[in-house]
Amino acid sequence: MLLPRRCVVERSFGWMARFRRLARDYERLPETLADLSYLVFAIMMAKNFIHLMAHVL
């Protein structure tokens, strides 16, 4: 049985795979990879926020 929110997580990681540096694991330290993941999600959230605000105004 699939979890109800699983598709959201899989979609998010699919979006994250668009960033070339995260498509392959070139990082030596796991902390660096985790930091890059946070950065990617922050960029994606900022884009979504700007798109949402453009439709509101």
Protein backbone atom coordinates (compact mmCIF):
# COMPACT_ATOMS: atom_id res chain seq x y z
CA MET A 1 0.00 0.00 0.00
CA LEU A 2 1.33 3.42 -0.94
CA LEU A 3 1.43 6.13 1.65
CA PRO A 4 -0.86 9.10 0.90
CA ARG A 5 1.92 11.70 0.75
CA ARG A 6 4.49 9.54 -1.01
CA CYS A 7 3.82 11.09 -4.42
CA VAL A 8 4.59 14.55 -3.02
CA VAL A 9 7.99 13.39 -1.79
CA GLU A 10 8.78 11.58 -5.04
CA ARG A 11 7.77 14.65 -7.07
CA SER A 12 9.96 16.88 -4.90
CA PHE A 13 12.98 14.66 -5.41
CA GLY A 14 12.21 14.56 -9.14
CA TRP A 15 12.32 18.37 -9.23
CA MET A 16 15.53 18.32 -7.23
CA ALA A 17 17.10 15.96 -9.78
CA ARG A 18 16.94 18.83 -12.31
CA PHE A 19 19.85 20.42 -10.50
CA ARG A 20 22.88 18.82 -12.17
CA ARG A 21 25.09 18.83 -9.12
CA LEU A 22 22.53 16.80 -7.18
CA ALA A 23 21.78 14.42 -10.06
CA ARG A 24 25.08 12.71 -9.33
CA ASP A 25 26.65 12.38 -5.93
CA TYR A 26 29.96 14.20 -6.38
CA GLU A 27 30.18 15.42 -2.81
CA ARG A 28 32.62 13.81 -0.40
CA LEU A 29 30.91 14.95 2.78
CA PRO A 30 27.27 14.07 3.51
CA GLU A 31 26.83 17.46 5.18
CA THR A 32 27.60 19.20 1.89
CA LEU A 33 24.98 17.14 0.07
CA ALA A 34 22.43 17.89 2.80
CA ASP A 35 23.20 21.62 2.61
CA LEU A 36 22.81 21.60 -1.17
CA SER A 37 19.46 19.84 -0.79
CA TYR A 38 18.23 22.59 1.56
CA LEU A 39 19.44 25.20 -0.90
CA VAL A 40 17.60 23.55 -3.81
CA PHE A 41 14.35 23.30 -1.87
CA ALA A 42 14.68 26.96 -0.81
CA ILE A 43 15.14 27.98 -4.46
CA MET A 44 12.12 25.91 -5.51
CA MET A 45 9.96 27.40 -2.73
CA ALA A 46 11.05 30.93 -3.68
CA LYS A 47 10.09 30.31 -7.32
CA ASN A 48 6.70 28.96 -6.26
CA PHE A 49 6.16 31.95 -3.96
CA ILE A 50 7.01 34.44 -6.72
CA HIS A 51 4.68 32.62 -9.13
CA LEU A 52 1.89 32.66 -6.53
CA MET A 53 2.35 36.35 -5.77
CA ALA A 54 2.27 37.19 -9.49
CA HIS A 55 -1.19 35.61 -9.75
CA VAL A 56 -2.46 37.33 -6.60
CA LEU A 57 -1.48 40.82 -7.77
